[in-house]
Amino acid sequence: MDLILSNIFLESIILEGINNLATSKILGHICFQNFESSKYIIDILTTGINKYDYDRYEPYFICLKYLIELQDSTQEDRTDFALKKFIKIINKNLKYKKATFMCIKFLVDLLPNEPVQKYLVSSSEDWVDIWLQMDNDKGSSMTEVLIKKLGLNLE
C-alpha cells in the first residue's frame, strides 16, 4: 500500500494519463470518506497542474473532477480545499494565458456541481477582479462566461 500512496507512483500514473478513468477511481477509493487522504491527493494533483504546461493538464483535470464530484460526507470540504488551491495556482500563473484559459474553462465545466458553485460564489473576491483585469478580450472571455453562469452581479 505504501507504493500506491507514494508521491512518485501517484505523480507517474497521473502524468502518464494511460487510463484516466481507472486512475480516478483508484484515487476516489483512497479519498472516499477520508478528508486527510483527499488533501494529500489534491496536493499532488494541484502541484502537477502548477508544475506542468497546459498541454499536460488533462489527466490532472480528469482526476480532480472525479474527486470533486465524489459524493460522500467530505465532498464539500474536499471541494473547498481543492478549489482554494486551484484558484491560488491560477492567480499565481496569470501571465501564462493559455494555462489560465484552460484552468478557468475547467472551472466552467465543473459548474453543474453545487459545491463548486457555492465555493466560487463565496470566494469571488479572491478571483473576479484579478481575472477580469487580466482579460483583455471582454465579452468573450472565459472569466465572463464563468461569472455569468454563476449569476454574479459585478455592478
Foldseek 3Di string as FASTA:
>chain_A
DCQCLDLVNLLVCLQVPPDLVVSLVVLLVQPAVNVVSLLSSLVSLLVVLLPDDQVRNVSSLSNLLSQCPNDHPCNLVSLLSNVVSLLVSLLVPLVRPVSNQSSLVSLVVSVVDVSSLVNCVVCVVSPLVSVVVSDPPPPPGSSVVVCVSSVPDPD
